[in-house]
Amino acid sequence: MADDKQGRDKQADDEKRRQRERELEEARNRADEAEPMRDDPGEQLGDLDEALETHDYPTTTDELVEAYGDYEIETQGGWKPLHAVLAPTDNQTYGSADDVRSRIQGLIHR
């Protein structure tokens, strides 16, 4: 290609086109990725977070499932009800909302 204004313009245009193609390809590849989980437990627990704050403690896993089993929680596999998240847990006793949150966080980040 000649080293003149027209040749340089064509090279610049070709580079811009290749850059757009790379960006589109990268966006298509990212579209198949799962959304990253939020770091804030309150966001992952949704409405359950506020309910846990007002719950009476100590409490047990069974009591939590009975009271809040249908509340949806964000997990790595999508949103799941609390009863499904706590299903692998034996009946434990929790002394505070923070204890419950810690247990749930441990289960959803497996």
N, C-alpha and C. Protein backbone atom coordinates (compact mmCIF):
# COMPACT_ATOMS: atom_id res chain seq x y z
N MET A 1 0.84 -1.16 0.00
CA MET A 1 0.00 0.00 0.00
C MET A 1 0.89 1.23 0.00
N ALA A 2 0.50 2.20 -0.75
CA ALA A 2 1.30 3.42 -0.87
C ALA A 2 1.28 4.20 0.44
N ASP A 3 2.39 4.86 0.72
CA ASP A 3 2.49 5.67 1.93
C ASP A 3 2.05 7.09 1.62
N ASP A 4 0.77 7.23 1.41
CA ASP A 4 0.20 8.56 1.16
C ASP A 4 -1.01 8.74 2.05
N LYS A 5 -1.63 9.89 1.96
CA LYS A 5 -2.77 10.20 2.84
C LYS A 5 -3.88 9.17 2.67
N GLN A 6 -4.19 8.79 1.47
CA GLN A 6 -5.26 7.83 1.21
C GLN A 6 -4.90 6.47 1.82
N GLY A 7 -3.68 6.04 1.71
CA GLY A 7 -3.25 4.77 2.29
C GLY A 7 -3.31 4.78 3.81
N ARG A 8 -2.86 5.88 4.42
CA ARG A 8 -2.92 6.00 5.88
C ARG A 8 -4.36 6.02 6.37
N ASP A 9 -5.25 6.72 5.66
CA ASP A 9 -6.66 6.77 6.03
C ASP A 9 -7.28 5.37 5.96
N LYS A 10 -6.92 4.61 4.92
CA LYS A 10 -7.46 3.26 4.78
C LYS A 10 -6.96 2.38 5.93
N GLN A 11 -5.69 2.48 6.29
CA GLN A 11 -5.15 1.71 7.40
C GLN A 11 -5.87 2.06 8.71
N ALA A 12 -6.12 3.33 8.93
CA ALA A 12 -6.82 3.76 10.15
C ALA A 12 -8.25 3.22 10.16
N ASP A 13 -8.92 3.30 9.01
CA ASP A 13 -10.29 2.78 8.93
C ASP A 13 -10.32 1.27 9.16
N ASP A 14 -9.33 0.56 8.59
CA ASP A 14 -9.26 -0.89 8.78
C ASP A 14 -9.04 -1.23 10.26
N GLU A 15 -8.18 -0.49 10.92
CA GLU A 15 -7.92 -0.73 12.34
C GLU A 15 -9.18 -0.48 13.18
N LYS A 16 -9.90 0.59 12.89
CA LYS A 16 -11.16 0.88 13.61
C LYS A 16 -12.16 -0.25 13.42
N ARG A 17 -12.25 -0.75 12.18
CA ARG A 17 -13.19 -1.84 11.89
C ARG A 17 -12.79 -3.10 12.66
N ARG A 18 -11.49 -3.43 12.68
CA ARG A 18 -11.03 -4.60 13.41
C ARG A 18 -11.29 -4.45 14.92
N GLN A 19 -11.09 -3.24 15.44
CA GLN A 19 -11.36 -2.99 16.86
C GLN A 19 -12.84 -3.20 17.18
N ARG A 20 -13.73 -2.70 16.33
CA ARG A 20 -15.18 -2.90 16.55
C ARG A 20 -15.52 -4.39 16.52
N GLU A 21 -14.92 -5.12 15.59
CA GLU A 21 -15.17 -6.56 15.49
C GLU A 21 -14.69 -7.28 16.75
N ARG A 22 -13.52 -6.89 17.27
CA ARG A 22 -13.02 -7.50 18.51
C ARG A 22 -13.97 -7.21 19.67
N GLU A 23 -14.44 -5.97 19.77
CA GLU A 23 -15.36 -5.60 20.85
C GLU A 23 -16.67 -6.38 20.76
N LEU A 24 -17.20 -6.52 19.54
CA LEU A 24 -18.43 -7.29 19.36
C LEU A 24 -18.23 -8.76 19.73
N GLU A 25 -17.12 -9.33 19.33
CA GLU A 25 -16.82 -10.73 19.66
C GLU A 25 -16.71 -10.90 21.18
N GLU A 26 -16.04 -9.97 21.83
CA GLU A 26 -15.90 -10.03 23.28
C GLU A 26 -17.26 -9.92 23.97
N ALA A 27 -18.12 -9.04 23.48
CA ALA A 27 -19.45 -8.88 24.05
C ALA A 27 -20.27 -10.16 23.86
N ARG A 28 -20.16 -10.79 22.70
CA ARG A 28 -20.88 -12.05 22.47
C ARG A 28 -20.39 -13.13 23.42
N ASN A 29 -19.09 -13.20 23.64
CA ASN A 29 -18.54 -14.19 24.57
C ASN A 29 -19.01 -13.94 25.99
N ARG A 30 -19.08 -12.69 26.40
CA ARG A 30 -19.52 -12.36 27.76
C ARG A 30 -21.01 -12.60 27.96
N ALA A 31 -21.78 -12.57 26.91
CA ALA A 31 -23.23 -12.75 27.03
C ALA A 31 -23.58 -14.13 27.59
N ASP A 32 -22.71 -15.11 27.38
CA ASP A 32 -22.95 -16.46 27.87
C ASP A 32 -22.52 -16.66 29.32
N GLU A 33 -21.81 -15.68 29.89
CA GLU A 33 -21.33 -15.80 31.26
C GLU A 33 -22.46 -15.50 32.25
N ALA A 34 -22.40 -16.16 33.39
CA ALA A 34 -23.36 -15.87 34.45
C ALA A 34 -23.04 -14.52 35.07
N GLU A 35 -24.08 -13.83 35.52
CA GLU A 35 -23.89 -12.55 36.19
C GLU A 35 -23.13 -12.77 37.48
N PRO A 36 -22.19 -11.90 37.80
CA PRO A 36 -21.48 -12.06 39.07
C PRO A 36 -22.42 -11.81 40.24
N MET A 37 -22.18 -12.52 41.33
CA MET A 37 -23.00 -12.33 42.52
C MET A 37 -22.60 -11.04 43.19
N ARG A 38 -23.55 -10.44 43.83
CA ARG A 38 -23.29 -9.20 44.57
C ARG A 38 -22.49 -9.51 45.82
N ASP A 39 -21.70 -8.53 46.24
CA ASP A 39 -20.91 -8.71 47.46
C ASP A 39 -21.69 -8.36 48.71
N ASP A 40 -22.73 -7.55 48.58
CA ASP A 40 -23.51 -7.11 49.72
C ASP A 40 -24.53 -8.19 50.07
N PRO A 41 -24.41 -8.82 51.25
CA PRO A 41 -25.35 -9.88 51.62
C PRO A 41 -26.80 -9.41 51.61
N GLY A 42 -27.05 -8.16 51.95
CA GLY A 42 -28.41 -7.64 51.95
C GLY A 42 -29.03 -7.69 50.58
N GLU A 43 -28.23 -7.46 49.54
CA GLU A 43 -28.76 -7.53 48.18
C GLU A 43 -29.02 -8.97 47.78
N GLN A 44 -28.17 -9.89 48.19
CA GLN A 44 -28.35 -11.29 47.83
C GLN A 44 -29.55 -11.89 48.55
N LEU A 45 -29.80 -11.43 49.76
CA LEU A 45 -30.89 -12.00 50.54
C LEU A 45 -32.22 -11.31 50.28
N GLY A 46 -32.21 -10.21 49.58
CA GLY A 46 -33.44 -9.52 49.25
C GLY A 46 -34.24 -9.15 50.49
N ASP A 47 -35.54 -9.38 50.46
CA ASP A 47 -36.43 -9.04 51.57
C ASP A 47 -36.13 -9.84 52.83
N LEU A 48 -35.51 -10.99 52.67
CA LEU A 48 -35.19 -11.82 53.83
C LEU A 48 -34.25 -11.10 54.79
N ASP A 49 -33.36 -10.27 54.29
CA ASP A 49 -32.40 -9.57 55.14
C ASP A 49 -33.12 -8.75 56.21
N GLU A 50 -34.12 -8.01 55.82
CA GLU A 50 -34.87 -7.19 56.78
C GLU A 50 -35.66 -8.08 57.74
N ALA A 51 -36.24 -9.15 57.24
CA ALA A 51 -37.00 -10.06 58.10
C ALA A 51 -36.11 -10.68 59.16
N LEU A 52 -34.88 -11.02 58.79
CA LEU A 52 -33.95 -11.61 59.76
C LEU A 52 -33.62 -10.63 60.89
N GLU A 53 -33.55 -9.36 60.56
CA GLU A 53 -33.23 -8.34 61.58
C GLU A 53 -34.31 -8.27 62.66
N THR A 54 -35.55 -8.48 62.29
CA THR A 54 -36.66 -8.34 63.24
C THR A 54 -37.06 -9.67 63.88
N HIS A 55 -36.45 -10.75 63.45
CA HIS A 55 -36.77 -12.08 63.98
C HIS A 55 -36.27 -12.21 65.42
N ASP A 56 -36.94 -13.03 66.23
CA ASP A 56 -36.52 -13.28 67.61
C ASP A 56 -35.43 -14.35 67.65
N TYR A 57 -34.37 -14.07 68.39
CA TYR A 57 -33.25 -15.01 68.54
C TYR A 57 -33.08 -15.38 69.99
N PRO A 58 -32.56 -16.56 70.29
CA PRO A 58 -32.07 -17.58 69.36
C PRO A 58 -33.20 -18.24 68.59
N THR A 59 -32.83 -18.80 67.44
CA THR A 59 -33.79 -19.49 66.58
C THR A 59 -33.09 -20.68 65.95
N THR A 60 -33.87 -21.54 65.32
CA THR A 60 -33.31 -22.74 64.69
C THR A 60 -33.54 -22.71 63.18
N THR A 61 -32.85 -23.60 62.51
CA THR A 61 -33.02 -23.73 61.06
C THR A 61 -34.48 -24.04 60.74
N ASP A 62 -35.06 -24.98 61.49
CA ASP A 62 -36.46 -25.36 61.23
C ASP A 62 -37.40 -24.17 61.40
N GLU A 63 -37.17 -23.35 62.42
CA GLU A 63 -38.02 -22.18 62.65
C GLU A 63 -37.86 -21.16 61.51
N LEU A 64 -36.66 -21.00 61.04
CA LEU A 64 -36.42 -20.07 59.93
C LEU A 64 -37.11 -20.55 58.66
N VAL A 65 -37.01 -21.84 58.39
CA VAL A 65 -37.66 -22.39 57.19
C VAL A 65 -39.17 -22.25 57.29
N GLU A 66 -39.70 -22.50 58.48
CA GLU A 66 -41.15 -22.37 58.67
C GLU A 66 -41.60 -20.93 58.46
N ALA A 67 -40.85 -19.98 58.98
CA ALA A 67 -41.23 -18.57 58.89
C ALA A 67 -40.91 -17.94 57.54
N TYR A 68 -39.78 -18.31 56.93
CA TYR A 68 -39.30 -17.59 55.75
C TYR A 68 -38.92 -18.51 54.59
N GLY A 69 -39.36 -19.73 54.60
CA GLY A 69 -38.94 -20.72 53.62
C GLY A 69 -39.15 -20.34 52.17
N ASP A 70 -40.15 -19.49 51.89
CA ASP A 70 -40.43 -19.11 50.50
C ASP A 70 -39.70 -17.85 50.06
N TYR A 71 -38.97 -17.20 50.97
CA TYR A 71 -38.21 -16.01 50.59
C TYR A 71 -37.13 -16.41 49.59
N GLU A 72 -36.95 -15.60 48.55
CA GLU A 72 -35.98 -15.89 47.50
C GLU A 72 -34.62 -15.29 47.83
N ILE A 73 -33.57 -16.08 47.57
CA ILE A 73 -32.19 -15.69 47.83
C ILE A 73 -31.40 -15.85 46.54
N GLU A 74 -30.52 -14.89 46.26
CA GLU A 74 -29.68 -14.98 45.07
C GLU A 74 -28.51 -15.93 45.33
N THR A 75 -28.42 -16.98 44.52
CA THR A 75 -27.33 -17.94 44.63
C THR A 75 -26.53 -17.93 43.33
N GLN A 76 -25.46 -18.68 43.29
CA GLN A 76 -24.67 -18.76 42.06
C GLN A 76 -25.47 -19.39 40.93
N GLY A 77 -26.47 -20.18 41.27
CA GLY A 77 -27.32 -20.82 40.27
C GLY A 77 -28.61 -20.07 39.99
N GLY A 78 -28.72 -18.84 40.47
CA GLY A 78 -29.94 -18.05 40.29
C GLY A 78 -30.67 -17.90 41.63
N TRP A 79 -31.87 -17.40 41.58
CA TRP A 79 -32.65 -17.16 42.80
C TRP A 79 -33.31 -18.46 43.24
N LYS A 80 -33.18 -18.77 44.56
CA LYS A 80 -33.76 -19.99 45.12
C LYS A 80 -34.44 -19.65 46.45
N PRO A 81 -35.49 -20.41 46.81
CA PRO A 81 -36.14 -20.17 48.10
C PRO A 81 -35.25 -20.59 49.26
N LEU A 82 -35.43 -19.93 50.40
CA LEU A 82 -34.62 -20.21 51.57
C LEU A 82 -34.66 -21.69 51.95
N HIS A 83 -35.83 -22.32 51.86
CA HIS A 83 -35.91 -23.74 52.25
C HIS A 83 -34.99 -24.60 51.39
N ALA A 84 -34.80 -24.26 50.12
CA ALA A 84 -33.91 -25.02 49.25
C ALA A 84 -32.45 -24.76 49.62
N VAL A 85 -32.14 -23.52 49.98
CA VAL A 85 -30.76 -23.18 50.35
C VAL A 85 -30.36 -23.88 51.66
N LEU A 86 -31.28 -23.92 52.61
CA LEU A 86 -30.97 -24.50 53.91
C LEU A 86 -31.19 -26.02 53.96
N ALA A 87 -31.69 -26.61 52.89
CA ALA A 87 -32.00 -28.05 52.87
C ALA A 87 -30.82 -28.93 53.30
N PRO A 88 -29.58 -28.64 52.89
CA PRO A 88 -28.47 -29.52 53.31
C PRO A 88 -28.02 -29.30 54.75
N THR A 89 -28.65 -28.38 55.46
CA THR A 89 -28.24 -28.04 56.82
C THR A 89 -29.07 -28.80 57.85
N ASP A 90 -28.39 -29.37 58.85
CA ASP A 90 -29.11 -29.95 59.98
C ASP A 90 -29.74 -28.82 60.77
N ASN A 91 -30.66 -29.16 61.64
CA ASN A 91 -31.32 -28.15 62.47
C ASN A 91 -30.29 -27.55 63.43
N GLN A 92 -29.88 -26.31 63.15
CA GLN A 92 -28.90 -25.61 63.97
C GLN A 92 -29.59 -24.49 64.75
N THR A 93 -28.91 -23.99 65.75
CA THR A 93 -29.41 -22.84 66.51
C THR A 93 -28.55 -21.64 66.14
N TYR A 94 -29.22 -20.50 65.92
CA TYR A 94 -28.55 -19.25 65.55
C TYR A 94 -28.84 -18.21 66.62
N GLY A 95 -27.81 -17.47 67.02
CA GLY A 95 -27.96 -16.48 68.07
C GLY A 95 -28.28 -15.09 67.57
N SER A 96 -28.13 -14.85 66.26
CA SER A 96 -28.38 -13.51 65.72
C SER A 96 -28.61 -13.58 64.22
N ALA A 97 -29.07 -12.45 63.68
CA ALA A 97 -29.26 -12.35 62.23
C ALA A 97 -27.93 -12.53 61.51
N ASP A 98 -26.85 -12.03 62.10
CA ASP A 98 -25.53 -12.19 61.49
C ASP A 98 -25.13 -13.65 61.40
N ASP A 99 -25.47 -14.45 62.41
CA ASP A 99 -25.18 -15.89 62.37
C ASP A 99 -25.91 -16.55 61.20
N VAL A 100 -27.18 -16.17 61.02
CA VAL A 100 -27.97 -16.75 59.92
C VAL A 100 -27.38 -16.32 58.58
N ARG A 101 -27.07 -15.03 58.44
CA ARG A 101 -26.49 -14.54 57.19
C ARG A 101 -25.19 -15.28 56.86
N SER A 102 -24.35 -15.47 57.87
CA SER A 102 -23.07 -16.16 57.65
C SER A 102 -23.30 -17.58 57.15
N ARG A 103 -24.26 -18.26 57.74
CA ARG A 103 -24.56 -19.64 57.33
C ARG A 103 -25.07 -19.66 55.89
N ILE A 104 -25.99 -18.76 55.57
CA ILE A 104 -26.54 -18.70 54.22
C ILE A 104 -25.44 -18.37 53.22
N GLN A 105 -24.60 -17.39 53.55
CA GLN A 105 -23.49 -17.02 52.66
C GLN A 105 -22.58 -18.22 52.40
N GLY A 106 -22.30 -18.97 53.45
CA GLY A 106 -21.46 -20.16 53.28
C GLY A 106 -22.10 -21.18 52.34
N LEU A 107 -23.40 -21.30 52.41
CA LEU A 107 -24.11 -22.27 51.56
C LEU A 107 -24.22 -21.82 50.11
N ILE A 108 -24.42 -20.53 49.89
CA ILE A 108 -24.63 -20.07 48.50
C ILE A 108 -23.33 -19.82 47.77
N HIS A 109 -22.22 -19.79 48.47
CA HIS A 109 -20.94 -19.58 47.80
C HIS A 109 -20.14 -20.85 47.63
N ARG A 110 -20.79 -21.99 47.76
CA ARG A 110 -20.11 -23.29 47.56
C ARG A 110 -19.84 -23.50 46.11
